[in-house]
Amino acid sequence: MLCKIAVKTDTHSQFKDITHEVADCVRDSGVKSGTCLVYCPHTTAGITINENADPDVVRDILAKTDRLIPWEEGYRHFEGNSAAHIKAMLTGFSQMFIIENGRLLLGTWQGIYFAEFDGPRNRTVYVKIMGDKED
């Protein structure tokens, strides 16, 4: 089953928690045991897993990546968004999850994030669910 999630970002760099949307896709698929691929088809955004209990973690990650990969650094790319391409490459464009008992197998504090590095924009995330519908 393929599920499509629309993501609207509001700022230039932003992590949007999409855990609930991905979990809804898994639930709606009826798959009880299998895998779930979350894929971002954009070159200036990515998919990552991190803590979703304390919003300061996301703020710290965004602040540190901005210091490590500044927006203005004399890049040659004519669109002027090379920093976003680099950050997306480091974040990665997909993550694979285990489905067990019809639910995502995530750690207690883990959340699934859409990582925007060139916003604000309207984006798309694809969720591919594979597995068995029976236990």
N, C-alpha and C. Protein backbone atom coordinates (compact mmCIF):
# COMPACT_ATOMS: atom_id res chain seq x y z
N MET A 1 0.84 -1.18 0.00
CA MET A 1 0.00 0.00 0.00
C MET A 1 0.88 1.24 0.00
N LEU A 2 0.49 2.22 -0.80
CA LEU A 2 1.20 3.51 -0.85
C LEU A 2 0.29 4.58 -0.28
N CYS A 3 0.84 5.37 0.62
CA CYS A 3 0.12 6.46 1.26
C CYS A 3 0.89 7.75 0.99
N LYS A 4 0.17 8.82 0.78
CA LYS A 4 0.78 10.10 0.47
C LYS A 4 0.40 11.10 1.57
N ILE A 5 1.42 11.78 2.11
CA ILE A 5 1.20 12.76 3.17
C ILE A 5 1.61 14.14 2.66
N ALA A 6 0.71 15.11 2.75
CA ALA A 6 1.03 16.49 2.40
C ALA A 6 1.62 17.17 3.63
N VAL A 7 2.75 17.86 3.43
CA VAL A 7 3.42 18.55 4.53
C VAL A 7 3.59 20.01 4.12
N LYS A 8 3.08 20.91 4.93
CA LYS A 8 3.24 22.34 4.71
C LYS A 8 4.21 22.86 5.77
N THR A 9 5.33 23.40 5.32
CA THR A 9 6.28 23.97 6.27
C THR A 9 6.09 25.48 6.33
N ASP A 10 6.42 26.03 7.49
CA ASP A 10 6.14 27.44 7.76
C ASP A 10 7.38 28.31 7.81
N THR A 11 8.54 27.71 7.98
CA THR A 11 9.78 28.48 8.12
C THR A 11 10.86 27.90 7.21
N HIS A 12 11.97 28.61 7.15
CA HIS A 12 13.08 28.21 6.29
C HIS A 12 13.63 26.84 6.66
N SER A 13 13.94 26.64 7.93
CA SER A 13 14.41 25.36 8.44
C SER A 13 13.46 24.92 9.53
N GLN A 14 12.98 23.69 9.43
CA GLN A 14 11.95 23.25 10.35
C GLN A 14 11.88 21.74 10.38
N PHE A 15 11.67 21.18 11.57
CA PHE A 15 11.36 19.76 11.71
C PHE A 15 9.88 19.66 12.03
N LYS A 16 9.13 18.95 11.19
CA LYS A 16 7.70 18.73 11.45
C LYS A 16 7.50 17.28 11.84
N ASP A 17 6.92 17.08 12.99
CA ASP A 17 6.65 15.74 13.49
C ASP A 17 5.51 15.14 12.66
N ILE A 18 5.80 14.07 11.93
CA ILE A 18 4.79 13.40 11.09
C ILE A 18 4.50 12.00 11.60
N THR A 19 4.86 11.73 12.85
CA THR A 19 4.66 10.39 13.42
C THR A 19 3.21 9.95 13.34
N HIS A 20 2.29 10.82 13.73
CA HIS A 20 0.88 10.44 13.74
C HIS A 20 0.35 10.17 12.34
N GLU A 21 0.77 10.96 11.36
CA GLU A 21 0.33 10.75 9.99
C GLU A 21 0.83 9.41 9.44
N VAL A 22 2.09 9.09 9.75
CA VAL A 22 2.65 7.80 9.30
C VAL A 22 1.93 6.66 10.01
N ALA A 23 1.68 6.80 11.31
CA ALA A 23 0.96 5.77 12.07
C ALA A 23 -0.44 5.57 11.51
N ASP A 24 -1.09 6.65 11.08
CA ASP A 24 -2.41 6.53 10.46
C ASP A 24 -2.35 5.72 9.17
N CYS A 25 -1.30 5.94 8.38
CA CYS A 25 -1.12 5.16 7.15
C CYS A 25 -0.98 3.67 7.46
N VAL A 26 -0.19 3.37 8.49
CA VAL A 26 0.00 1.97 8.89
C VAL A 26 -1.32 1.37 9.34
N ARG A 27 -2.03 2.07 10.19
CA ARG A 27 -3.32 1.58 10.68
C ARG A 27 -4.29 1.34 9.52
N ASP A 28 -4.38 2.32 8.61
CA ASP A 28 -5.31 2.21 7.49
C ASP A 28 -4.95 1.08 6.53
N SER A 29 -3.67 0.69 6.50
CA SER A 29 -3.24 -0.38 5.59
C SER A 29 -3.73 -1.74 6.03
N GLY A 30 -3.96 -1.90 7.32
CA GLY A 30 -4.35 -3.20 7.84
C GLY A 30 -3.20 -4.17 8.02
N VAL A 31 -1.97 -3.74 7.70
CA VAL A 31 -0.80 -4.61 7.85
C VAL A 31 -0.51 -4.80 9.33
N LYS A 32 -0.34 -6.07 9.73
CA LYS A 32 -0.08 -6.41 11.12
C LYS A 32 1.41 -6.60 11.40
N SER A 33 2.14 -7.11 10.41
CA SER A 33 3.56 -7.38 10.58
C SER A 33 4.26 -7.09 9.26
N GLY A 34 5.25 -6.21 9.29
CA GLY A 34 5.95 -5.87 8.06
C GLY A 34 6.87 -4.69 8.25
N THR A 35 6.99 -3.91 7.17
CA THR A 35 7.86 -2.74 7.20
C THR A 35 7.14 -1.54 6.58
N CYS A 36 7.66 -0.39 6.94
CA CYS A 36 7.09 0.86 6.48
C CYS A 36 8.25 1.76 6.04
N LEU A 37 8.28 2.11 4.78
CA LEU A 37 9.29 3.02 4.25
C LEU A 37 8.68 4.41 4.16
N VAL A 38 9.35 5.39 4.76
CA VAL A 38 8.92 6.79 4.68
C VAL A 38 9.95 7.49 3.81
N TYR A 39 9.49 8.06 2.68
CA TYR A 39 10.39 8.59 1.66
C TYR A 39 10.03 10.03 1.30
N CYS A 40 11.07 10.85 1.19
CA CYS A 40 10.93 12.25 0.81
C CYS A 40 11.50 12.46 -0.59
N PRO A 41 10.67 12.83 -1.58
CA PRO A 41 11.15 12.99 -2.95
C PRO A 41 11.68 14.39 -3.26
N HIS A 42 12.27 15.03 -2.27
CA HIS A 42 12.77 16.41 -2.45
C HIS A 42 14.27 16.45 -2.14
N THR A 43 15.01 17.31 -2.83
CA THR A 43 16.46 17.36 -2.64
C THR A 43 16.90 18.37 -1.58
N THR A 44 15.97 19.12 -1.02
CA THR A 44 16.33 20.08 0.03
C THR A 44 15.53 19.82 1.32
N ALA A 45 15.10 18.60 1.49
CA ALA A 45 14.38 18.18 2.70
C ALA A 45 14.67 16.71 2.93
N GLY A 46 14.38 16.23 4.12
CA GLY A 46 14.66 14.83 4.41
C GLY A 46 13.73 14.26 5.46
N ILE A 47 14.02 13.02 5.83
CA ILE A 47 13.27 12.29 6.85
C ILE A 47 14.25 11.83 7.91
N THR A 48 13.91 12.06 9.17
CA THR A 48 14.80 11.63 10.24
C THR A 48 13.98 11.16 11.44
N ILE A 49 14.66 10.49 12.35
CA ILE A 49 14.07 10.02 13.60
C ILE A 49 14.81 10.73 14.73
N ASN A 50 14.06 11.24 15.69
CA ASN A 50 14.70 11.82 16.86
C ASN A 50 13.70 11.95 17.98
N GLU A 51 14.15 12.51 19.09
CA GLU A 51 13.29 12.68 20.25
C GLU A 51 12.15 13.63 19.94
N ASN A 52 10.94 13.24 20.38
CA ASN A 52 9.80 14.12 20.16
C ASN A 52 9.14 14.55 21.47
N ALA A 53 9.85 14.37 22.60
CA ALA A 53 9.29 14.76 23.89
C ALA A 53 9.67 16.19 24.26
N ASP A 54 10.88 16.60 23.97
CA ASP A 54 11.37 17.92 24.34
C ASP A 54 11.67 18.72 23.07
N PRO A 55 10.90 19.78 22.79
CA PRO A 55 11.12 20.56 21.56
C PRO A 55 12.49 21.24 21.50
N ASP A 56 13.17 21.34 22.64
CA ASP A 56 14.51 21.94 22.61
C ASP A 56 15.50 21.08 21.84
N VAL A 57 15.26 19.77 21.77
CA VAL A 57 16.15 18.90 20.99
C VAL A 57 16.13 19.34 19.53
N VAL A 58 14.95 19.54 18.97
CA VAL A 58 14.83 19.98 17.57
C VAL A 58 15.46 21.35 17.39
N ARG A 59 15.20 22.26 18.31
CA ARG A 59 15.81 23.61 18.23
C ARG A 59 17.32 23.51 18.23
N ASP A 60 17.88 22.67 19.10
CA ASP A 60 19.33 22.49 19.18
C ASP A 60 19.89 21.92 17.88
N ILE A 61 19.21 20.93 17.32
CA ILE A 61 19.67 20.32 16.06
C ILE A 61 19.68 21.36 14.94
N LEU A 62 18.60 22.11 14.81
CA LEU A 62 18.53 23.13 13.75
C LEU A 62 19.59 24.21 13.95
N ALA A 63 19.79 24.66 15.18
CA ALA A 63 20.79 25.69 15.46
C ALA A 63 22.20 25.19 15.13
N LYS A 64 22.50 23.96 15.52
CA LYS A 64 23.84 23.42 15.27
C LYS A 64 24.08 23.20 13.78
N THR A 65 23.09 22.68 13.06
CA THR A 65 23.30 22.47 11.62
C THR A 65 23.44 23.81 10.90
N ASP A 66 22.75 24.85 11.37
CA ASP A 66 22.94 26.18 10.77
C ASP A 66 24.35 26.70 10.99
N ARG A 67 24.94 26.40 12.14
CA ARG A 67 26.32 26.83 12.40
C ARG A 67 27.31 26.01 11.58
N LEU A 68 27.06 24.70 11.47
CA LEU A 68 27.97 23.83 10.72
C LEU A 68 27.88 24.04 9.21
N ILE A 69 26.67 24.31 8.74
CA ILE A 69 26.43 24.47 7.31
C ILE A 69 25.67 25.79 7.11
N PRO A 70 26.39 26.91 7.14
CA PRO A 70 25.71 28.21 7.03
C PRO A 70 25.10 28.42 5.65
N TRP A 71 24.03 29.21 5.61
CA TRP A 71 23.33 29.48 4.36
C TRP A 71 24.23 30.21 3.37
N GLU A 72 24.96 31.20 3.83
CA GLU A 72 25.89 31.97 2.98
C GLU A 72 27.31 31.48 3.22
N GLU A 73 27.87 30.79 2.26
CA GLU A 73 29.21 30.24 2.43
C GLU A 73 29.99 30.26 1.12
N GLY A 74 29.55 31.08 0.18
CA GLY A 74 30.23 31.16 -1.11
C GLY A 74 29.99 29.96 -2.01
N TYR A 75 28.85 29.32 -1.86
CA TYR A 75 28.53 28.18 -2.70
C TYR A 75 28.34 28.63 -4.15
N ARG A 76 28.52 27.73 -5.09
CA ARG A 76 28.44 28.08 -6.50
C ARG A 76 27.09 27.78 -7.13
N HIS A 77 26.26 26.99 -6.51
CA HIS A 77 24.96 26.62 -7.06
C HIS A 77 24.13 27.87 -7.33
N PHE A 78 23.64 28.03 -8.55
CA PHE A 78 22.99 29.27 -8.97
C PHE A 78 21.68 29.56 -8.24
N GLU A 79 21.01 28.54 -7.71
CA GLU A 79 19.75 28.77 -6.99
C GLU A 79 19.98 29.31 -5.58
N GLY A 80 21.21 29.21 -5.09
CA GLY A 80 21.53 29.76 -3.78
C GLY A 80 21.08 28.93 -2.60
N ASN A 81 20.76 27.68 -2.82
CA ASN A 81 20.28 26.84 -1.71
C ASN A 81 21.16 25.60 -1.49
N SER A 82 22.45 25.72 -1.76
CA SER A 82 23.36 24.59 -1.57
C SER A 82 23.36 24.10 -0.14
N ALA A 83 23.27 25.00 0.83
CA ALA A 83 23.24 24.57 2.23
C ALA A 83 22.08 23.62 2.48
N ALA A 84 20.93 23.90 1.88
CA ALA A 84 19.77 23.02 2.04
C ALA A 84 20.03 21.65 1.43
N HIS A 85 20.68 21.61 0.29
CA HIS A 85 21.01 20.32 -0.34
C HIS A 85 21.96 19.51 0.54
N ILE A 86 22.94 20.17 1.14
CA ILE A 86 23.91 19.48 2.00
C ILE A 86 23.23 18.93 3.24
N LYS A 87 22.40 19.76 3.88
CA LYS A 87 21.70 19.33 5.10
C LYS A 87 20.76 18.15 4.79
N ALA A 88 20.09 18.20 3.67
CA ALA A 88 19.18 17.11 3.30
C ALA A 88 19.96 15.82 3.05
N MET A 89 21.10 15.95 2.40
CA MET A 89 21.93 14.77 2.15
C MET A 89 22.37 14.15 3.46
N LEU A 90 22.75 14.96 4.43
CA LEU A 90 23.20 14.44 5.72
C LEU A 90 22.05 13.84 6.53
N THR A 91 20.87 14.41 6.40
CA THR A 91 19.69 13.89 7.10
C THR A 91 19.24 12.57 6.48
N GLY A 92 19.25 12.52 5.17
CA GLY A 92 18.77 11.33 4.46
C GLY A 92 17.35 11.55 3.96
N PHE A 93 16.99 10.83 2.92
CA PHE A 93 15.71 11.02 2.25
C PHE A 93 14.67 9.96 2.60
N SER A 94 15.06 8.97 3.39
CA SER A 94 14.10 7.93 3.77
C SER A 94 14.51 7.28 5.07
N GLN A 95 13.52 6.64 5.69
CA GLN A 95 13.74 5.84 6.89
C GLN A 95 12.83 4.62 6.79
N MET A 96 13.31 3.50 7.30
CA MET A 96 12.55 2.26 7.31
C MET A 96 12.16 1.94 8.74
N PHE A 97 10.90 1.50 8.91
CA PHE A 97 10.38 1.19 10.24
C PHE A 97 9.79 -0.22 10.24
N ILE A 98 9.82 -0.83 11.41
CA ILE A 98 9.21 -2.14 11.61
C ILE A 98 7.75 -1.93 12.04
N ILE A 99 6.88 -2.75 11.46
CA ILE A 99 5.48 -2.79 11.89
C ILE A 99 5.28 -4.10 12.63
N GLU A 100 4.77 -4.02 13.83
CA GLU A 100 4.48 -5.21 14.61
C GLU A 100 3.15 -5.01 15.34
N ASN A 101 2.31 -6.01 15.27
CA ASN A 101 0.96 -5.93 15.87
C ASN A 101 0.19 -4.71 15.34
N GLY A 102 0.40 -4.40 14.07
CA GLY A 102 -0.33 -3.32 13.42
C GLY A 102 0.12 -1.92 13.78
N ARG A 103 1.27 -1.82 14.46
CA ARG A 103 1.75 -0.51 14.90
C ARG A 103 3.23 -0.33 14.56
N LEU A 104 3.63 0.95 14.43
CA LEU A 104 5.04 1.25 14.24
C LEU A 104 5.81 0.86 15.49
N LEU A 105 6.96 0.23 15.30
CA LEU A 105 7.82 -0.14 16.42
C LEU A 105 8.83 0.98 16.63
N LEU A 106 8.47 1.94 17.47
CA LEU A 106 9.32 3.08 17.78
C LEU A 106 9.72 3.06 19.24
N GLY A 107 10.87 3.66 19.55
CA GLY A 107 11.28 3.79 20.93
C GLY A 107 10.38 4.77 21.67
N THR A 108 10.44 4.74 22.97
CA THR A 108 9.57 5.56 23.82
C THR A 108 9.59 7.03 23.43
N TRP A 109 10.75 7.56 23.14
CA TRP A 109 10.89 9.00 22.88
C TRP A 109 11.06 9.32 21.40
N GLN A 110 10.96 8.32 20.54
CA GLN A 110 11.22 8.55 19.12
C GLN A 110 10.01 9.09 18.38
N GLY A 111 10.29 10.02 17.47
CA GLY A 111 9.29 10.53 16.56
C GLY A 111 9.87 10.57 15.15
N ILE A 112 9.00 10.61 14.17
CA ILE A 112 9.40 10.69 12.76
C ILE A 112 9.25 12.14 12.34
N TYR A 113 10.31 12.69 11.79
CA TYR A 113 10.31 14.10 11.41
C TYR A 113 10.54 14.30 9.92
N PHE A 114 9.77 15.22 9.35
CA PHE A 114 10.08 15.77 8.04
C PHE A 114 11.00 16.94 8.31
N ALA A 115 12.18 16.93 7.71
CA ALA A 115 13.18 17.96 7.95
C ALA A 115 13.23 18.91 6.74
N GLU A 116 12.73 20.10 6.94
CA GLU A 116 12.71 21.14 5.89
C GLU A 116 13.96 22.00 6.02
N PHE A 117 14.64 22.23 4.89
CA PHE A 117 15.82 23.07 4.90
C PHE A 117 15.76 24.19 3.86
N ASP A 118 14.65 24.32 3.15
CA ASP A 118 14.53 25.35 2.10
C ASP A 118 13.07 25.82 1.99
N GLY A 119 12.49 26.11 3.13
CA GLY A 119 11.08 26.49 3.14
C GLY A 119 10.88 27.98 3.25
N PRO A 120 9.65 28.35 3.45
CA PRO A 120 8.48 27.48 3.58
C PRO A 120 8.03 26.94 2.23
N ARG A 121 7.46 25.74 2.28
CA ARG A 121 7.00 25.07 1.05
C ARG A 121 5.86 24.11 1.36
N ASN A 122 5.22 23.68 0.29
CA ASN A 122 4.28 22.56 0.34
C ASN A 122 5.04 21.35 -0.19
N ARG A 123 5.10 20.31 0.61
CA ARG A 123 5.90 19.13 0.28
C ARG A 123 5.04 17.88 0.31
N THR A 124 5.62 16.80 -0.17
CA THR A 124 4.96 15.50 -0.18
C THR A 124 5.89 14.46 0.43
N VAL A 125 5.32 13.56 1.21
CA VAL A 125 6.04 12.42 1.76
C VAL A 125 5.26 11.17 1.33
N TYR A 126 5.98 10.16 0.88
CA TYR A 126 5.37 8.89 0.51
C TYR A 126 5.66 7.85 1.58
N VAL A 127 4.65 7.05 1.89
CA VAL A 127 4.78 5.98 2.86
C VAL A 127 4.40 4.68 2.16
N LYS A 128 5.34 3.77 2.05
CA LYS A 128 5.11 2.48 1.42
C LYS A 128 5.07 1.42 2.51
N ILE A 129 3.95 0.74 2.62
CA ILE A 129 3.75 -0.26 3.67
C ILE A 129 3.72 -1.64 3.04
N MET A 130 4.56 -2.52 3.57
CA MET A 130 4.69 -3.87 3.05
C MET A 130 4.56 -4.86 4.19
N GLY A 131 3.80 -5.92 3.97
CA GLY A 131 3.72 -6.93 5.02
C GLY A 131 2.44 -7.72 4.95
N ASP A 132 2.22 -8.45 6.04
CA ASP A 132 1.08 -9.36 6.15
C ASP A 132 -0.04 -8.70 6.93
N LYS A 133 -1.26 -8.96 6.48
CA LYS A 133 -2.44 -8.40 7.16
C LYS A 133 -2.95 -9.33 8.26
N GLU A 134 -2.35 -10.49 8.40
CA GLU A 134 -2.73 -11.44 9.44
C GLU A 134 -1.53 -11.70 10.32
N ASP A 135 -1.78 -11.96 11.60
CA ASP A 135 -0.70 -12.29 12.55
C ASP A 135 -0.19 -13.69 12.31
